[in-house]
N, C-alpha and C. Protein backbone atom coordinates (compact mmCIF):
# COMPACT_ATOMS: atom_id res chain seq x y z
N MET A 1 18.93 -7.23 -1.85
CA MET A 1 20.20 -7.29 -1.72
C MET A 1 20.18 -5.96 -0.92
N ASP A 2 21.41 -6.00 -0.40
CA ASP A 2 22.30 -4.88 0.58
C ASP A 2 22.42 -4.19 -0.62
N ALA A 3 22.81 -2.73 0.25
CA ALA A 3 23.10 -1.18 -0.11
C ALA A 3 23.97 -1.73 -1.30
N ASP A 4 25.38 -2.29 -1.02
CA ASP A 4 26.20 -2.13 -1.68
C ASP A 4 25.95 -3.13 -2.68
N GLU A 5 24.62 -4.48 -2.89
CA GLU A 5 24.36 -4.65 -4.38
C GLU A 5 24.06 -4.29 -5.17
N HIS A 6 22.91 -3.15 -4.48
CA HIS A 6 22.35 -1.87 -5.28
C HIS A 6 23.19 -1.26 -5.79
N GLY A 7 24.04 -0.77 -4.93
CA GLY A 7 24.92 0.46 -5.51
C GLY A 7 25.47 -0.57 -6.71
N GLU A 8 26.48 -1.69 -6.24
CA GLU A 8 26.57 -1.75 -8.07
C GLU A 8 25.98 -2.36 -8.84
N THR A 9 24.63 -2.73 -8.99
CA THR A 9 23.48 -2.83 -9.53
C THR A 9 23.67 -1.67 -10.86
N VAL A 10 23.11 -0.66 -9.67
CA VAL A 10 23.08 0.37 -10.58
C VAL A 10 24.12 1.12 -11.17
N THR A 11 25.55 1.04 -10.77
CA THR A 11 26.52 1.76 -11.25
C THR A 11 26.74 0.51 -12.91
N GLY A 12 26.34 -0.58 -12.36
CA GLY A 12 26.46 -1.61 -13.85
C GLY A 12 25.47 -0.77 -15.21
N VAL A 13 24.17 -0.70 -14.78
CA VAL A 13 23.59 -0.58 -15.65
C VAL A 13 23.85 0.88 -16.19
N LEU A 14 24.19 2.01 -15.31
CA LEU A 14 24.75 3.17 -15.60
C LEU A 14 25.36 3.77 -16.39
N ASN A 15 26.78 1.99 -16.20
CA ASN A 15 27.29 1.67 -17.11
C ASN A 15 26.98 1.24 -18.63
N VAL A 16 26.51 0.53 -18.61
CA VAL A 16 25.51 -0.36 -19.81
C VAL A 16 25.09 1.08 -20.74
N PHE A 17 24.58 1.70 -20.02
CA PHE A 17 23.72 3.15 -20.74
C PHE A 17 24.63 4.59 -21.30
N ARG A 18 26.33 4.48 -20.26
CA ARG A 18 27.04 5.58 -20.60
C ARG A 18 27.90 4.53 -22.03
N ARG A 19 27.86 3.10 -22.07
CA ARG A 19 28.94 2.78 -23.40
C ARG A 19 27.80 3.18 -24.50
N ALA A 20 26.20 2.56 -24.16
CA ALA A 20 25.63 2.83 -25.03
C ALA A 20 25.52 4.36 -25.93
N TRP A 21 25.36 5.25 -24.76
CA TRP A 21 25.56 6.68 -25.68
C TRP A 21 27.02 6.91 -26.04
N GLN A 22 27.49 6.54 -26.27
CA GLN A 22 29.08 6.75 -26.36
C GLN A 22 28.78 6.10 -27.99
N GLU A 23 28.21 4.64 -27.79
CA GLU A 23 28.30 3.83 -29.52
C GLU A 23 27.47 4.76 -30.23
N ALA A 24 26.27 5.47 -29.53
CA ALA A 24 25.62 6.43 -30.80
C ALA A 24 26.07 7.93 -31.15
N ALA A 25 27.26 8.34 -29.74
CA ALA A 25 27.87 9.56 -30.46
C ALA A 25 28.77 8.60 -31.32
N ALA A 26 29.32 8.02 -31.70
CA ALA A 26 30.70 7.15 -32.16
C ALA A 26 29.67 6.62 -33.62
N ILE A 27 28.15 6.28 -33.41
CA ILE A 27 27.35 6.62 -35.00
C ILE A 27 27.38 8.11 -35.38
N ILE A 28 27.33 8.90 -34.67
CA ILE A 28 26.81 10.52 -35.09
C ILE A 28 27.60 10.67 -35.76
N SER A 29 28.84 10.42 -35.27
CA SER A 29 30.20 10.88 -35.37
C SER A 29 31.06 10.13 -36.97
N ALA A 30 30.64 9.29 -37.26
CA ALA A 30 31.12 8.31 -38.11
C ALA A 30 30.19 9.16 -39.45
N THR A 31 29.16 9.47 -39.42
CA THR A 31 28.09 10.00 -40.53
C THR A 31 29.07 11.06 -40.83
N SER A 32 28.89 10.68 -42.41
CA SER A 32 29.97 11.15 -43.65
C SER A 32 29.10 12.62 -43.92
N ASP A 33 27.99 12.72 -43.89
CA ASP A 33 27.02 14.44 -43.93
C ASP A 33 27.29 15.04 -42.69
N PRO A 34 28.17 16.17 -42.79
CA PRO A 34 27.77 16.69 -41.56
C PRO A 34 27.03 17.68 -40.98
N ASP A 35 25.65 17.82 -42.44
CA ASP A 35 24.94 18.14 -41.43
C ASP A 35 23.67 17.35 -40.62
N GLU A 36 23.54 15.78 -41.55
CA GLU A 36 22.56 14.85 -40.69
C GLU A 36 23.49 14.62 -39.36
N ALA A 37 24.76 14.44 -39.66
CA ALA A 37 25.37 14.32 -38.55
C ALA A 37 25.03 15.21 -37.32
N PHE A 38 24.75 16.54 -37.68
CA PHE A 38 24.69 17.42 -36.70
C PHE A 38 23.03 17.07 -36.07
N ARG A 39 21.91 17.15 -37.05
CA ARG A 39 20.84 16.76 -36.98
C ARG A 39 21.23 15.70 -36.27
N ALA A 40 21.54 14.47 -36.52
CA ALA A 40 21.05 13.49 -35.42
C ALA A 40 21.91 13.87 -33.67
N ALA A 41 22.83 14.79 -33.75
CA ALA A 41 23.35 14.62 -32.66
C ALA A 41 22.16 15.77 -31.49
N VAL A 42 21.32 16.50 -31.88
CA VAL A 42 20.02 17.18 -31.69
C VAL A 42 19.66 16.63 -31.07
N GLU A 43 18.79 15.40 -32.18
CA GLU A 43 17.82 14.59 -31.93
C GLU A 43 18.54 13.87 -30.42
N ALA A 44 19.33 13.05 -31.14
CA ALA A 44 19.78 12.09 -29.59
C ALA A 44 19.65 12.75 -28.50
N ASP A 45 20.16 14.10 -28.37
CA ASP A 45 20.49 14.98 -27.03
C ASP A 45 18.88 15.50 -26.67
N LYS A 46 18.14 15.36 -27.64
CA LYS A 46 16.89 15.82 -27.55
C LYS A 46 15.62 14.96 -26.39
N GLN A 47 15.79 13.61 -27.04
CA GLN A 47 15.71 12.63 -26.73
C GLN A 47 16.08 12.23 -25.13
N LEU A 48 17.08 12.51 -25.11
CA LEU A 48 18.30 11.99 -24.06
C LEU A 48 17.90 12.26 -23.16
N LEU A 49 17.47 13.69 -23.00
CA LEU A 49 16.98 14.80 -22.01
C LEU A 49 15.54 14.44 -21.31
N ALA A 50 14.95 14.59 -22.50
CA ALA A 50 13.21 13.95 -22.17
C ALA A 50 13.29 12.48 -21.43
N LEU A 51 14.07 11.47 -22.08
CA LEU A 51 14.07 10.46 -20.85
C LEU A 51 14.87 10.50 -19.60
N HIS A 52 15.65 11.72 -19.68
CA HIS A 52 16.76 11.96 -18.33
C HIS A 52 15.21 12.38 -17.42
N ASN A 53 15.00 13.56 -17.64
CA ASN A 53 13.81 14.09 -17.49
C ASN A 53 12.58 12.94 -16.42
N GLU A 54 11.93 12.70 -17.32
CA GLU A 54 10.57 11.64 -17.04
C GLU A 54 11.20 10.98 -16.28
N GLN A 55 12.25 10.22 -16.32
CA GLN A 55 12.48 8.83 -15.42
C GLN A 55 13.13 9.53 -14.12
N ALA A 56 14.38 10.80 -14.19
CA ALA A 56 14.45 10.94 -13.00
C ALA A 56 13.46 11.86 -12.16
N THR A 57 12.87 12.96 -12.67
CA THR A 57 11.59 12.59 -11.65
C THR A 57 10.42 11.11 -10.98
N ARG A 58 10.31 10.70 -11.78
CA ARG A 58 9.65 9.25 -11.30
C ARG A 58 10.24 9.00 -10.23
N ILE A 59 11.71 8.66 -10.47
CA ILE A 59 12.04 7.38 -9.62
C ILE A 59 12.30 8.40 -8.32
N LYS A 60 12.57 9.49 -8.42
CA LYS A 60 12.93 10.95 -6.93
C LYS A 60 11.58 10.94 -6.45
N ALA A 61 10.10 10.82 -7.00
CA ALA A 61 9.15 10.59 -6.58
C ALA A 61 8.37 9.37 -5.62
N ARG A 62 8.91 8.43 -6.35
CA ARG A 62 8.38 7.30 -5.96
C ARG A 62 9.41 6.53 -4.56
N GLN A 63 10.49 7.11 -4.91
CA GLN A 63 11.73 7.20 -3.66
C GLN A 63 11.28 8.16 -2.34
N ALA A 64 10.84 9.10 -2.61
CA ALA A 64 10.36 10.09 -1.14
C ALA A 64 8.96 9.71 -0.53
N VAL A 65 8.17 9.50 -1.88
CA VAL A 65 7.27 8.43 -1.13
C VAL A 65 7.65 7.53 -0.05
N ARG A 66 7.91 6.33 -0.95
CA ARG A 66 8.29 5.87 -0.30
C ARG A 66 8.95 5.86 1.65
N ILE A 67 9.55 6.87 1.37
CA ILE A 67 10.65 7.74 2.59
C ILE A 67 9.36 7.58 3.67
N ARG A 68 8.73 9.13 2.63
CA ARG A 68 6.89 9.00 3.30
C ARG A 68 6.50 8.14 4.71
N GLN A 69 6.43 7.07 3.45
CA GLN A 69 5.12 5.85 4.36
C GLN A 69 6.24 5.40 5.06
N ALA A 70 7.17 5.24 4.90
CA ALA A 70 8.05 4.14 5.96
C ALA A 70 8.54 5.01 7.11
N HIS A 71 8.06 5.78 7.65
CA HIS A 71 8.62 6.95 8.48
C HIS A 71 7.25 7.62 8.74
N GLY A 72 6.26 7.42 7.91
CA GLY A 72 4.73 8.52 8.86
C GLY A 72 5.09 9.57 8.79
N LEU A 73 5.65 10.23 7.38
CA LEU A 73 5.96 11.56 7.90
C LEU A 73 4.99 12.10 6.74
N SER A 74 4.63 13.77 7.35
CA SER A 74 4.10 15.12 6.66
C SER A 74 4.78 15.09 5.64
N LEU A 75 4.35 16.13 4.65
CA LEU A 75 4.68 16.55 4.18
C LEU A 75 5.97 17.66 4.17
N ALA A 76 5.65 18.30 5.35
CA ALA A 76 6.58 19.17 5.88
C ALA A 76 7.81 18.41 6.45
N LYS A 77 7.53 17.84 7.21
CA LYS A 77 8.88 16.94 7.26
C LYS A 77 9.35 15.67 6.54
N LEU A 78 8.95 15.38 5.71
CA LEU A 78 9.59 14.76 4.21
C LEU A 78 10.52 15.92 3.87
N ALA A 79 9.98 16.83 3.42
CA ALA A 79 10.39 18.16 2.83
C ALA A 79 11.85 18.28 3.09
N GLY A 80 11.89 18.52 4.73
CA GLY A 80 13.53 18.71 5.43
C GLY A 80 14.01 17.45 5.37
N ARG A 81 13.46 16.27 5.49
CA ARG A 81 14.15 14.89 5.27
C ARG A 81 14.87 15.00 3.84
N VAL A 82 14.43 15.10 2.79
CA VAL A 82 15.12 15.15 1.68
C VAL A 82 15.86 16.29 1.31
N ASN A 83 15.79 17.16 1.91
CA ASN A 83 16.03 18.53 1.40
C ASN A 83 15.63 19.68 0.31
N ARG A 84 14.24 19.45 0.28
CA ARG A 84 13.05 19.92 -0.85
C ARG A 84 12.29 20.77 -0.32
N SER A 85 11.47 21.49 -0.87
CA SER A 85 10.85 22.28 -0.64
C SER A 85 9.51 21.47 -0.56
N LYS A 86 8.42 21.89 0.40
CA LYS A 86 6.79 20.98 0.30
C LYS A 86 6.43 21.06 -0.49
N ALA A 87 6.13 22.24 -2.00
CA ALA A 87 5.84 22.35 -2.41
C ALA A 87 6.57 21.05 -3.47
N LEU A 88 7.68 20.82 -3.45
CA LEU A 88 8.27 20.18 -4.57
C LEU A 88 7.77 18.70 -4.02
N VAL A 89 7.78 18.26 -2.97
CA VAL A 89 7.46 17.00 -2.47
C VAL A 89 6.17 16.77 -2.45
N ALA A 90 5.15 17.56 -2.25
CA ALA A 90 3.59 17.45 -2.78
C ALA A 90 3.92 17.03 -4.56
N GLN A 91 4.24 17.84 -5.36
CA GLN A 91 4.55 17.46 -6.23
C GLN A 91 4.88 16.15 -6.81
N TYR A 92 5.80 15.70 -6.03
CA TYR A 92 6.21 14.25 -5.65
C TYR A 92 5.14 12.99 -5.62
N VAL A 93 4.71 13.36 -4.85
CA VAL A 93 3.60 12.69 -4.26
C VAL A 93 1.97 12.31 -5.10
N GLN A 94 2.14 13.41 -6.06
CA GLN A 94 0.85 13.64 -6.93
C GLN A 94 1.08 12.96 -8.36
N ILE A 95 2.96 13.10 -8.82
CA ILE A 95 3.37 12.48 -9.49
C ILE A 95 3.60 10.98 -9.16
N ASP A 96 3.71 10.38 -8.30
CA ASP A 96 3.71 9.00 -7.92
C ASP A 96 2.08 8.26 -7.66
N ARG A 97 1.25 9.15 -7.55
CA ARG A 97 -0.10 8.72 -7.63
C ARG A 97 -0.22 8.32 -8.96
N GLN A 98 0.00 9.49 -9.79
CA GLN A 98 -0.82 9.00 -10.94
C GLN A 98 0.33 7.91 -12.01
N ALA A 99 1.59 8.02 -11.84
CA ALA A 99 2.42 6.63 -11.95
C ALA A 99 1.56 5.41 -11.61
N GLU A 100 1.01 5.14 -10.48
CA GLU A 100 0.04 4.00 -10.21
C GLU A 100 -0.76 4.06 -10.36
N GLU A 101 -1.60 5.26 -11.11
CA GLU A 101 -2.63 4.93 -11.68
C GLU A 101 -2.75 4.86 -13.24
N ALA A 102 -1.65 4.93 -13.52
CA ALA A 102 -1.46 4.60 -15.23
C ALA A 102 -0.66 3.60 -15.42
N PRO A 103 -1.59 2.90 -16.93
CA PRO A 103 -0.84 1.53 -17.07
C PRO A 103 0.06 1.66 -17.19
N CYS A 104 0.88 0.70 -17.25
CA CYS A 104 2.41 0.73 -17.20
C CYS A 104 2.90 0.33 -18.80
N HIS A 105 3.82 1.06 -19.12
CA HIS A 105 3.86 1.13 -20.60
C HIS A 105 5.78 1.15 -20.98
N ASP A 106 6.05 -0.15 -19.82
CA ASP A 106 7.66 -0.24 -19.87
C ASP A 106 7.63 -1.49 -19.91
N PRO A 107 8.41 -2.58 -20.76
CA PRO A 107 8.80 -3.34 -20.97
C PRO A 107 9.17 -4.32 -19.51
């Protein structure tokens, strides 16, 4: 796939995710007990935030490492290229290494 096809694919998947979130919000809003609805909203928010934080960090780490490998960059050069601190890109490298070593739990 070229860049345009990847962009369309990512956008499409994110739109599916957005619709799923909207459906979850509608279910929460339709809950007759407002206390229960609020608890469900808090829990949904907590789960969504945790999912985002975990996955966003992993994907950024993987892509930063790919850039480093593709261009033979030092951590300092990679930091400049991706506009992040050297300490953060070092964390990305460590996160990516740990992800490669850990067994995959995704379907």
